[in-house]
Amino acid sequence: MLREKLIVPGNHNKVLLHSCCAPCSAEIMEALLESEIDYTIFFYNPNIHPVKEYELRKEENKRFAVKHNITFIDADYDMDNWFQRAKGMEFEPERGIRCTMCFDMRFERTALYAHENGFPVFATSLGISRWKDLNQINGCGHRAAEAYPDLIYWDFNWRKKGGSQRMIEISKREHFYQQEYCGCIYSLRDSNEWRRSKGRETIKICKKFYQ
């Protein structure tokens, strides 16, 4: 399935792409390349735990960026800050206020970097996943961009016109690491509790890859 020609908001041609992982970002990365859009990957995800999981997701994303000669910005892993902001939300459900906090934190940092480094537009790979609430993500993205008059949040729906299917196809082609939970330790806890209740095997960190 052919990808459509992408037009960046404001007719700009420079984008900072916040990436959460290789499987979610690869389709977007290839789509931007096909449309000859100049972009940089910004990897800022202090929500991902444990550290072993974080490092594998980051390295998979970096590997794909290097393959396509795309600049990869490795932002700080300020885990303590994330846990501080999540305090009191440890048992909130997925897609609830803890996730809003998490998106806000990551997008605030992305927007700041974009503003300070001459990127007029930023986007995120988070919304391509069918497990995410696209309205929740876009609300956080627009809120982060509003802090800077020279910045636009690109709320393109990357799932449409075959985007979600191509995401899976690329992941299989590249044999990406296949994470089985959103990223935070609370998501891992809840996912494993659900699996145990169904008699299923619990998640094995850093073990499953697309075939």
Protein backbone atom coordinates (compact mmCIF):
# COMPACT_ATOMS: atom_id res chain seq x y z
CA MET A 1 0.00 0.00 0.00
CA LEU A 2 1.43 3.35 -1.07
CA ARG A 3 1.87 6.08 1.48
CA GLU A 4 0.35 9.48 0.89
CA LYS A 5 2.54 12.54 0.39
CA LEU A 6 2.83 14.24 3.78
CA ILE A 7 2.48 17.98 4.23
CA VAL A 8 3.88 19.38 7.46
CA PRO A 9 1.70 22.00 9.22
CA GLY A 10 2.62 25.55 8.25
CA ASN A 11 4.38 24.17 5.15
CA HIS A 12 7.48 23.64 7.24
CA ASN A 13 9.99 20.93 6.35
CA LYS A 14 11.72 20.35 9.67
CA VAL A 15 10.22 18.11 12.35
CA LEU A 16 11.29 16.82 15.76
CA LEU A 17 9.79 13.35 16.17
CA HIS A 18 9.38 12.15 19.73
CA SER A 19 9.82 8.39 19.55
CA CYS A 20 8.73 5.87 22.16
CA CYS A 21 10.20 2.78 20.48
CA ALA A 22 11.27 1.32 17.15
CA PRO A 23 8.05 -0.61 16.35
CA CYS A 24 5.88 2.51 16.76
CA SER A 25 8.22 4.97 15.06
CA ALA A 26 9.52 2.98 12.07
CA GLU A 27 6.44 3.46 9.86
CA ILE A 28 6.42 7.19 10.66
CA MET A 29 10.14 7.45 9.98
CA GLU A 30 9.81 5.79 6.58
CA ALA A 31 6.76 7.92 5.71
CA LEU A 32 8.67 11.12 6.54
CA LEU A 33 11.63 9.97 4.46
CA GLU A 34 9.43 9.18 1.46
CA SER A 35 7.94 12.68 1.70
CA GLU A 36 11.47 14.16 1.84
CA ILE A 37 10.82 15.77 5.22
CA ASP A 38 13.85 16.70 7.30
CA TYR A 39 13.41 15.23 10.77
CA THR A 40 15.28 14.24 13.91
CA ILE A 41 14.41 11.53 16.45
CA PHE A 42 14.04 12.65 20.06
CA PHE A 43 14.12 9.73 22.50
CA TYR A 44 12.88 10.83 25.90
CA ASN A 45 11.02 8.12 27.80
CA PRO A 46 11.81 8.08 31.54
CA ASN A 47 8.63 6.07 32.07
CA ILE A 48 10.19 2.87 30.70
CA HIS A 49 11.23 0.44 33.44
CA PRO A 50 13.25 -1.51 34.32
CA VAL A 51 16.47 0.00 32.95
CA LYS A 52 17.24 -3.16 30.96
CA GLU A 53 13.94 -2.71 29.10
CA TYR A 54 14.64 0.99 28.54
CA GLU A 55 18.07 0.35 27.06
CA LEU A 56 16.83 -2.32 24.66
CA ARG A 57 13.96 -0.16 23.38
CA LYS A 58 16.33 2.76 22.92
CA GLU A 59 19.00 0.72 21.12
CA GLU A 60 16.44 -0.80 18.74
CA ASN A 61 15.22 2.68 17.87
CA LYS A 62 18.75 3.98 17.47
CA ARG A 63 19.69 1.04 15.23
CA PHE A 64 16.85 1.87 12.82
CA ALA A 65 17.73 5.58 12.84
CA VAL A 66 21.37 4.84 12.02
CA LYS A 67 20.28 2.54 9.19
CA HIS A 68 18.48 5.49 7.57
CA ASN A 69 21.09 8.10 8.53
CA ILE A 70 18.64 9.95 10.79
CA THR A 71 19.92 12.03 13.70
CA PHE A 72 19.01 10.41 17.03
CA ILE A 73 18.86 12.57 20.17
CA ASP A 74 19.30 10.48 23.31
CA ALA A 75 17.70 12.59 26.07
CA ASP A 76 18.25 12.12 29.78
CA TYR A 77 16.71 9.15 31.57
CA ASP A 78 15.49 11.12 34.60
CA MET A 79 13.68 8.19 36.16
CA ASP A 80 13.50 9.78 39.63
CA ASN A 81 11.62 12.76 38.23
CA TRP A 82 9.10 10.46 36.56
CA PHE A 83 8.44 8.52 39.77
CA GLN A 84 8.05 11.78 41.69
CA ARG A 85 5.42 12.99 39.24
CA ALA A 86 3.65 9.62 39.32
CA LYS A 87 3.36 9.63 43.12
CA GLY A 88 -0.21 8.98 44.18
CA MET A 89 -1.13 7.60 40.74
CA GLU A 90 0.41 4.16 41.16
CA PHE A 91 -2.92 2.35 40.89
CA GLU A 92 -4.61 4.50 38.26
CA PRO A 93 -5.85 2.54 35.23
CA GLU A 94 -4.21 2.56 31.82
CA ARG A 95 -5.31 5.62 29.78
CA GLY A 96 -6.08 7.41 33.03
CA ILE A 97 -4.49 10.42 34.72
CA ARG A 98 -1.12 8.70 35.18
CA CYS A 99 -0.83 8.32 31.41
CA THR A 100 -1.80 11.96 30.92
CA MET A 101 0.95 12.97 33.34
CA CYS A 102 3.40 10.75 31.49
CA PHE A 103 2.56 12.20 28.07
CA ASP A 104 2.69 15.72 29.47
CA MET A 105 6.14 15.13 30.94
CA ARG A 106 7.59 13.68 27.75
CA PHE A 107 6.02 16.27 25.46
CA GLU A 108 7.03 19.20 27.66
CA ARG A 109 10.64 18.11 27.31
CA THR A 110 10.25 17.50 23.57
CA ALA A 111 8.65 20.91 23.05
CA LEU A 112 11.43 22.61 25.00
CA TYR A 113 14.10 20.93 22.89
CA ALA A 114 12.25 21.83 19.70
CA HIS A 115 11.96 25.47 20.78
CA GLU A 116 15.60 25.74 21.78
CA ASN A 117 16.94 24.03 18.66
CA GLY A 118 14.98 25.59 15.84
CA PHE A 119 12.32 22.96 15.17
CA PRO A 120 9.04 24.65 14.19
CA VAL A 121 7.04 21.40 14.46
CA PHE A 122 7.09 18.35 16.70
CA ALA A 123 5.18 15.08 16.49
CA THR A 124 5.12 11.78 18.35
CA SER A 125 5.02 8.09 17.48
CA LEU A 126 2.85 7.26 20.49
CA GLY A 127 -0.46 7.68 18.67
CA ILE A 128 0.11 4.96 16.09
CA SER A 129 -0.52 2.24 18.67
CA ARG A 130 -4.12 1.04 18.85
CA TRP A 131 -3.64 0.60 22.60
CA LYS A 132 -3.35 4.35 23.09
CA ASP A 133 -6.07 7.00 23.34
CA LEU A 134 -5.29 9.29 20.40
CA ASN A 135 -7.36 12.18 21.79
CA GLN A 136 -5.49 11.96 25.10
CA ILE A 137 -2.12 12.01 23.34
CA ASN A 138 -3.02 14.89 21.04
CA GLY A 139 -4.42 16.93 23.91
CA CYS A 140 -1.09 16.61 25.71
CA GLY A 141 0.83 17.45 22.53
CA HIS A 142 -1.12 20.63 21.84
CA ARG A 143 -0.82 21.68 25.49
CA ALA A 144 2.98 21.31 25.36
CA ALA A 145 3.23 23.30 22.13
CA GLU A 146 1.14 26.15 23.51
CA ALA A 147 4.03 27.13 25.78
CA TYR A 148 5.96 28.40 22.73
CA PRO A 149 4.46 30.76 20.13
CA ASP A 150 6.87 29.50 17.45
CA LEU A 151 5.98 25.80 17.85
CA ILE A 152 3.31 23.58 16.28
CA TYR A 153 2.26 20.13 17.43
CA TRP A 154 1.50 17.90 14.42
CA ASP A 155 -1.51 15.76 15.35
CA PHE A 156 -1.49 13.61 12.21
CA ASN A 157 -3.28 10.27 12.55
CA TRP A 158 -0.48 7.84 11.67
CA ARG A 159 -2.81 4.84 11.98
CA LYS A 160 -4.90 5.69 8.92
CA LYS A 161 -4.48 4.51 5.33
CA GLY A 162 -2.57 1.37 6.28
CA GLY A 163 -0.18 2.95 8.77
CA SER A 164 -0.94 0.48 11.56
CA GLN A 165 -0.53 -2.52 9.25
CA ARG A 166 2.75 -1.22 7.83
CA MET A 167 3.99 -0.70 11.39
CA ILE A 168 3.60 -4.42 12.03
CA GLU A 169 5.09 -5.38 8.66
CA ILE A 170 8.19 -3.24 9.26
CA SER A 171 8.59 -4.62 12.78
CA LYS A 172 8.60 -8.17 11.40
CA ARG A 173 10.95 -7.23 8.57
CA GLU A 174 13.42 -5.60 10.97
CA HIS A 175 12.95 -8.22 13.74
CA PHE A 176 12.35 -5.48 16.29
CA TYR A 177 12.08 -6.22 19.97
CA GLN A 178 8.39 -6.76 20.69
CA GLN A 179 7.55 -5.13 24.01
CA GLU A 180 4.48 -6.54 25.71
CA TYR A 181 3.50 -3.65 27.99
CA CYS A 182 3.34 0.12 27.70
CA GLY A 183 6.57 0.82 29.51
CA CYS A 184 6.14 1.82 33.15
CA ILE A 185 6.53 -0.54 36.06
CA TYR A 186 2.85 -0.11 36.96
CA SER A 187 1.79 -1.15 33.47
CA LEU A 188 4.04 -4.21 33.79
CA ARG A 189 2.50 -5.04 37.17
CA ASP A 190 -1.07 -4.74 35.89
CA SER A 191 -0.34 -6.66 32.68
CA ASN A 192 1.16 -9.54 34.65
CA GLU A 193 -1.72 -9.58 37.13
CA TRP A 194 -4.14 -9.90 34.22
CA ARG A 195 -2.04 -12.66 32.65
CA ARG A 196 -1.91 -14.62 35.91
CA SER A 197 -5.69 -14.30 36.27
CA LYS A 198 -6.05 -15.90 32.83
CA GLY A 199 -3.52 -18.63 33.53
CA ARG A 200 -1.05 -17.14 31.07
CA GLU A 201 2.72 -16.86 31.35
CA THR A 202 3.97 -13.55 32.72
CA ILE A 203 5.98 -11.12 30.60
CA LYS A 204 9.64 -11.94 30.10
CA ILE A 205 11.65 -8.74 29.87
CA CYS A 206 13.77 -8.39 26.70
CA LYS A 207 12.87 -11.84 25.37
CA LYS A 208 10.33 -11.47 22.56
CA PHE A 209 11.18 -10.30 19.04
CA TYR A 210 9.06 -10.01 15.89
CA GLN A 211 9.48 -12.98 13.56
